[in-house]
Amino acid sequence: MNRIAPKITDVTSPANPVLKSLKALAEKKGRRAQGLFLAEGLRVCTEALAAGQVPHTLVFTPEAEAHPLTGALIRATAESRGTMLRTTPDLMQRLTGKANAAGVAAAYDIPSTELDRIDRTAAPLWLVAENLKDPGNFGTMLRTCDATGAGGVILLDQSCDPFSVEAVRASMGALFSRQVAQASAAEFFRWLRAGQHGVRGQLVGAALAGRTVDYRAHTYAAPCFLFMGNEQSGLPADHAAQCDALVKLPMHGTADSLNVAVCAGVLLYHALDRMAPA
């Protein structure tokens, strides 16, 4: 089979319309208008390709073009008839907003985040986050899902945009290998109670008060949804009331809480170890 010859446009001006449209992806309204988000770095874009995600638009510097992994991205983008730009390190820095910008960046289609697209039986563990505001926490949680084999993160209510530059950067490629869903808390509770494939799933909330038990004393059953509250206010009481169990991490110092991404990591690894036999 004959390969499609790559059509690469050399760009040396920030006024280039394609480059300007990519720059607009730094803002939520730009992502919404174009249905795209921006990822940066050869490693992240290579992981995206390994997960079956081909760039809508690929940008690279002449130095990065020589790398064989960049070559694979160029061939894949050409096969899918995507757009490719070769640009200068300075313009790449302007695009990514990083002083030490990587030599590769790419725009990808924003996937559907409908809750009904989640197959709860596809993984033993899932994270659910209520009003998670920090995109860095989201990205870290998604990376930990990847590390533990968890399915992904379900973001509730007014959580951060999972496709912001900060969130994508913090996920280190996990955005392409894990599932992400967005819903209201009411929608999530209805979806959970309705079940799927004859399976409901266990909802375990992380809390400091109420009917909590030590996280090491609970037996986790797949599929298990670990429910994390907002960074500042924690899990609301009405949401905690919806949980099958509430667990807490003991605090031995003067701090009264852990970072939500750290807490999620501890619970994911422990739940994986303490998972009840199917």
Protein backbone atom coordinates (compact mmCIF):
# COMPACT_ATOMS: atom_id res chain seq x y z
CA MET A 1 0.00 0.00 0.00
CA ASN A 2 1.35 3.42 -0.98
CA ARG A 3 1.80 5.87 1.86
CA ILE A 4 0.45 9.38 1.57
CA ALA A 5 3.30 11.84 1.17
CA PRO A 6 3.34 14.23 4.13
CA LYS A 7 2.37 17.82 3.32
CA ILE A 8 4.24 20.04 5.76
CA THR A 9 3.88 23.83 5.91
CA ASP A 10 6.82 25.89 7.16
CA VAL A 11 5.66 28.60 9.57
CA THR A 12 7.92 31.45 10.66
CA SER A 13 5.32 34.06 11.62
CA PRO A 14 3.03 34.17 14.67
CA ALA A 15 0.37 35.57 12.36
CA ASN A 16 -0.09 32.20 10.68
CA PRO A 17 -3.84 31.42 11.00
CA VAL A 18 -3.36 27.75 11.95
CA LEU A 19 -0.81 28.66 14.61
CA LYS A 20 -3.18 31.34 15.94
CA SER A 21 -6.03 28.83 16.12
CA LEU A 22 -3.81 26.47 18.11
CA LYS A 23 -2.80 29.27 20.44
CA ALA A 24 -6.51 29.89 21.10
CA LEU A 25 -6.76 26.37 22.58
CA ALA A 26 -5.15 27.74 25.74
CA GLU A 27 -8.58 29.22 26.54
CA LYS A 28 -11.71 27.21 27.29
CA LYS A 29 -13.78 29.16 24.77
CA GLY A 30 -11.22 28.34 22.08
CA ARG A 31 -11.40 24.65 22.91
CA ARG A 32 -15.18 24.72 22.84
CA ALA A 33 -15.30 26.58 19.53
CA GLN A 34 -12.88 24.21 17.79
CA GLY A 35 -13.62 20.96 19.61
CA LEU A 36 -9.89 20.48 20.10
CA PHE A 37 -7.34 20.50 22.91
CA LEU A 38 -3.57 20.91 22.88
CA ALA A 39 -0.96 18.41 24.09
CA GLU A 40 2.77 19.03 24.13
CA GLY A 41 5.88 16.90 24.14
CA LEU A 42 7.10 14.00 22.03
CA ARG A 43 6.49 11.46 24.80
CA VAL A 44 2.89 12.51 25.39
CA CYS A 45 2.05 12.64 21.68
CA THR A 46 3.70 9.24 21.16
CA GLU A 47 1.62 7.77 24.00
CA ALA A 48 -1.47 9.26 22.38
CA LEU A 49 -0.57 7.54 19.10
CA ALA A 50 -0.04 4.24 20.93
CA ALA A 51 -3.57 4.66 22.33
CA GLY A 52 -4.94 5.13 18.81
CA GLN A 53 -5.20 8.93 18.92
CA VAL A 54 -3.87 10.66 15.81
CA PRO A 55 -3.25 14.43 15.84
CA HIS A 56 -5.75 16.70 14.15
CA THR A 57 -2.86 19.16 13.78
CA LEU A 58 0.82 18.39 14.41
CA VAL A 59 3.47 21.05 15.05
CA PHE A 60 7.19 20.37 15.35
CA THR A 61 10.55 22.10 15.15
CA PRO A 62 13.24 21.11 12.62
CA GLU A 63 15.32 19.66 15.47
CA ALA A 64 12.46 17.43 16.63
CA GLU A 65 11.65 16.33 13.09
CA ALA A 66 14.78 14.21 12.97
CA HIS A 67 13.60 11.98 15.83
CA PRO A 68 12.13 8.63 14.68
CA LEU A 69 9.15 9.02 17.01
CA THR A 70 8.35 12.36 15.40
CA GLY A 71 8.57 10.58 12.06
CA ALA A 72 5.92 8.11 13.22
CA LEU A 73 3.66 11.01 14.22
CA ILE A 74 4.20 12.68 10.86
CA ARG A 75 3.32 9.50 8.97
CA ALA A 76 0.20 8.89 11.05
CA THR A 77 -0.97 12.48 10.66
CA ALA A 78 -0.38 12.32 6.92
CA GLU A 79 -2.38 9.08 6.66
CA SER A 80 -5.31 10.72 8.47
CA ARG A 81 -4.94 13.84 6.29
CA GLY A 82 -4.22 16.04 9.29
CA THR A 83 -2.46 19.39 9.20
CA MET A 84 1.29 19.63 9.85
CA LEU A 85 3.40 22.67 10.61
CA ARG A 86 7.18 22.94 10.88
CA THR A 87 8.04 25.97 13.00
CA THR A 88 10.79 27.65 14.97
CA PRO A 89 11.65 26.99 18.64
CA ASP A 90 10.59 30.56 19.42
CA LEU A 91 7.13 30.08 17.94
CA MET A 92 6.83 26.71 19.65
CA GLN A 93 7.57 28.47 22.93
CA ARG A 94 4.86 31.02 22.19
CA LEU A 95 2.41 28.23 21.40
CA THR A 96 3.01 26.20 24.55
CA GLY A 97 3.78 29.06 26.91
CA LYS A 98 6.88 27.23 28.19
CA ALA A 99 10.36 28.71 28.19
CA ASN A 100 11.85 25.26 27.59
CA ALA A 101 9.20 24.22 25.11
CA ALA A 102 9.35 20.69 23.76
CA GLY A 103 9.84 20.35 20.04
CA VAL A 104 6.45 18.72 19.39
CA ALA A 105 2.87 19.75 20.09
CA ALA A 106 -0.41 18.50 18.70
CA ALA A 107 -4.12 19.28 18.74
CA TYR A 108 -6.54 16.40 19.30
CA ASP A 109 -10.30 16.04 19.07
CA ILE A 110 -12.01 16.46 22.44
CA PRO A 111 -13.65 13.09 23.15
CA SER A 112 -17.16 12.68 24.48
CA THR A 113 -17.31 12.83 28.27
CA GLU A 114 -20.86 11.49 28.56
CA LEU A 115 -21.29 9.34 31.65
CA ASP A 116 -23.10 6.66 29.66
CA ARG A 117 -19.90 6.01 27.70
CA ILE A 118 -18.26 4.64 30.86
CA ASP A 119 -18.26 0.85 31.16
CA ARG A 120 -18.02 0.40 34.91
CA THR A 121 -17.02 -3.26 34.54
CA ALA A 122 -13.97 -2.39 32.42
CA ALA A 123 -11.82 -1.70 35.49
CA PRO A 124 -11.93 -2.63 39.19
CA LEU A 125 -11.44 0.93 40.40
CA TRP A 126 -12.65 4.39 39.42
CA LEU A 127 -12.17 7.82 40.92
CA VAL A 128 -15.08 10.23 41.36
CA ALA A 129 -14.26 13.86 42.19
CA GLU A 130 -16.73 16.44 43.47
CA ASN A 131 -15.98 20.05 42.47
CA LEU A 132 -12.30 19.33 41.85
CA LYS A 133 -10.86 22.74 41.03
CA ASP A 134 -7.13 22.25 40.51
CA PRO A 135 -6.23 20.89 37.04
CA GLY A 136 -2.89 19.76 38.45
CA ASN A 137 -4.68 17.56 40.99
CA PHE A 138 -6.88 16.17 38.23
CA GLY A 139 -3.89 15.31 36.04
CA THR A 140 -2.06 13.67 38.95
CA MET A 141 -5.14 11.62 39.84
CA LEU A 142 -5.48 10.47 36.23
CA ARG A 143 -1.81 9.46 36.14
CA THR A 144 -2.32 7.42 39.31
CA CYS A 145 -5.35 5.76 37.71
CA ASP A 146 -3.10 4.73 34.86
CA ALA A 147 -0.46 3.40 37.28
CA THR A 148 -2.98 1.34 39.27
CA GLY A 149 -5.08 0.12 36.34
CA ALA A 150 -8.07 2.18 37.45
CA GLY A 151 -10.52 3.10 34.73
CA GLY A 152 -10.35 6.87 35.05
CA VAL A 153 -11.91 9.91 36.69
CA ILE A 154 -15.53 11.02 36.80
CA LEU A 155 -15.70 14.78 37.42
CA LEU A 156 -18.83 16.11 39.09
CA ASP A 157 -20.48 19.52 39.06
CA GLN A 158 -18.19 22.54 38.75
CA SER A 159 -14.91 20.67 38.41
CA CYS A 160 -11.96 21.88 36.35
CA ASP A 161 -11.75 21.47 32.59
CA PRO A 162 -9.97 18.14 31.99
CA PHE A 163 -8.71 19.38 28.62
CA SER A 164 -7.04 22.57 29.79
CA VAL A 165 -3.33 22.92 29.03
CA GLU A 166 -2.54 22.52 32.75
CA ALA A 167 -4.64 19.36 33.12
CA VAL A 168 -3.24 17.75 29.98
CA ARG A 169 0.31 18.60 31.04
CA ALA A 170 -0.20 17.17 34.54
CA SER A 171 -1.73 13.95 33.19
CA MET A 172 1.52 13.11 31.35
CA GLY A 173 -0.31 11.18 28.64
CA ALA A 174 -2.82 9.43 30.93
CA LEU A 175 -5.59 11.49 29.35
CA PHE A 176 -5.23 9.23 26.31
CA SER A 177 -5.22 5.91 28.18
CA ARG A 178 -7.87 6.53 30.87
CA GLN A 179 -11.57 7.42 30.69
CA VAL A 180 -12.85 10.85 31.71
CA ALA A 181 -16.50 11.67 32.30
CA GLN A 182 -18.31 14.84 33.40
CA ALA A 183 -21.71 14.95 35.06
CA SER A 184 -23.69 16.54 37.84
CA ALA A 185 -23.75 14.75 41.17
CA ALA A 186 -27.45 13.98 40.69
CA GLU A 187 -26.75 12.43 37.27
CA PHE A 188 -23.93 10.35 38.70
CA PHE A 189 -26.01 8.97 41.58
CA ARG A 190 -28.84 8.02 39.18
CA TRP A 191 -26.36 6.33 36.84
CA LEU A 192 -24.74 4.42 39.69
CA ARG A 193 -28.04 3.20 41.15
CA ALA A 194 -29.34 2.13 37.74
CA GLY A 195 -26.51 -0.34 37.36
CA GLN A 196 -24.90 -1.63 34.18
CA HIS A 197 -24.59 -5.20 32.88
CA GLY A 198 -26.36 -6.25 36.07
CA VAL A 199 -23.67 -4.56 38.16
CA ARG A 200 -24.10 -1.53 40.41
CA GLY A 201 -20.70 -0.99 42.00
CA GLN A 202 -19.54 0.10 45.44
CA LEU A 203 -19.32 3.79 46.30
CA VAL A 204 -16.68 4.54 48.94
CA GLY A 205 -16.31 8.12 50.11
CA ALA A 206 -13.19 9.68 51.61
CA ALA A 207 -14.22 11.72 54.67
CA LEU A 208 -12.93 12.82 58.03
CA ALA A 209 -16.22 12.74 59.93
CA GLY A 210 -19.44 10.75 60.15
CA ARG A 211 -19.67 6.97 59.97
CA THR A 212 -16.08 6.60 58.84
CA VAL A 213 -13.77 3.61 59.31
CA ASP A 214 -10.02 3.42 58.86
CA TYR A 215 -9.30 2.98 55.15
CA ARG A 216 -7.31 -0.18 55.97
CA ALA A 217 -10.30 -1.83 57.67
CA HIS A 218 -12.64 -1.70 54.69
CA THR A 219 -12.95 -4.42 52.06
CA TYR A 220 -13.24 -2.91 48.59
CA ALA A 221 -15.42 -4.63 45.99
CA ALA A 222 -15.11 -4.18 42.23
CA PRO A 223 -16.18 -2.09 40.55
CA CYS A 224 -15.34 0.35 43.32
CA PHE A 225 -15.87 4.09 42.95
CA LEU A 226 -13.62 6.08 45.29
CA PHE A 227 -15.39 9.36 45.96
CA MET A 228 -13.20 12.39 46.69
CA GLY A 229 -14.47 15.77 47.88
CA ASN A 230 -13.41 19.28 46.98
CA GLU A 231 -9.86 20.35 47.91
CA GLN A 232 -11.04 22.85 50.53
CA SER A 233 -14.45 21.72 51.75
CA GLY A 234 -14.22 17.94 51.39
CA LEU A 235 -17.15 15.64 50.66
CA PRO A 236 -20.55 17.30 51.24
CA ALA A 237 -22.73 15.62 53.87
CA ASP A 238 -25.54 14.86 51.41
CA HIS A 239 -23.06 13.19 49.06
CA ALA A 240 -21.50 11.23 51.92
CA ALA A 241 -24.99 9.93 52.75
CA GLN A 242 -25.13 8.34 49.28
CA CYS A 243 -21.99 6.25 49.92
CA ASP A 244 -21.95 2.56 50.79
CA ALA A 245 -19.02 3.24 53.11
CA LEU A 246 -16.90 6.15 54.31
CA VAL A 247 -13.19 5.75 54.95
CA LYS A 248 -10.60 8.06 56.43
CA LEU A 249 -6.81 8.28 56.46
CA PRO A 250 -5.46 8.81 59.98
CA MET A 251 -3.66 12.12 60.50
CA HIS A 252 -0.73 11.82 62.93
CA GLY A 253 0.67 15.34 62.58
CA THR A 254 -0.72 18.84 62.91
CA ALA A 255 -2.22 18.98 59.41
CA ASP A 256 -5.95 18.30 59.30
CA SER A 257 -6.10 16.99 55.73
CA LEU A 258 -4.09 15.62 52.82
CA ASN A 259 -3.85 16.91 49.27
CA VAL A 260 -6.74 15.31 47.38
CA ALA A 261 -4.47 13.75 44.74
CA VAL A 262 -2.23 12.25 47.44
CA CYS A 263 -5.26 10.88 49.26
CA ALA A 264 -6.60 9.40 46.01
CA GLY A 265 -3.25 7.72 45.35
CA VAL A 266 -3.12 6.10 48.79
CA LEU A 267 -6.69 4.83 48.46
CA LEU A 268 -6.22 3.53 44.92
CA TYR A 269 -3.18 1.46 45.81
CA HIS A 270 -4.68 0.17 49.04
CA ALA A 271 -8.04 -0.65 47.44
CA LEU A 272 -6.22 -2.55 44.70
CA ASP A 273 -4.45 -4.59 47.37
CA ARG A 274 -7.62 -5.12 49.43
CA MET A 275 -10.01 -5.90 46.57
CA ALA A 276 -12.48 -8.65 47.41
CA PRO A 277 -12.45 -11.69 45.09
CA ALA A 278 -14.99 -11.41 42.28
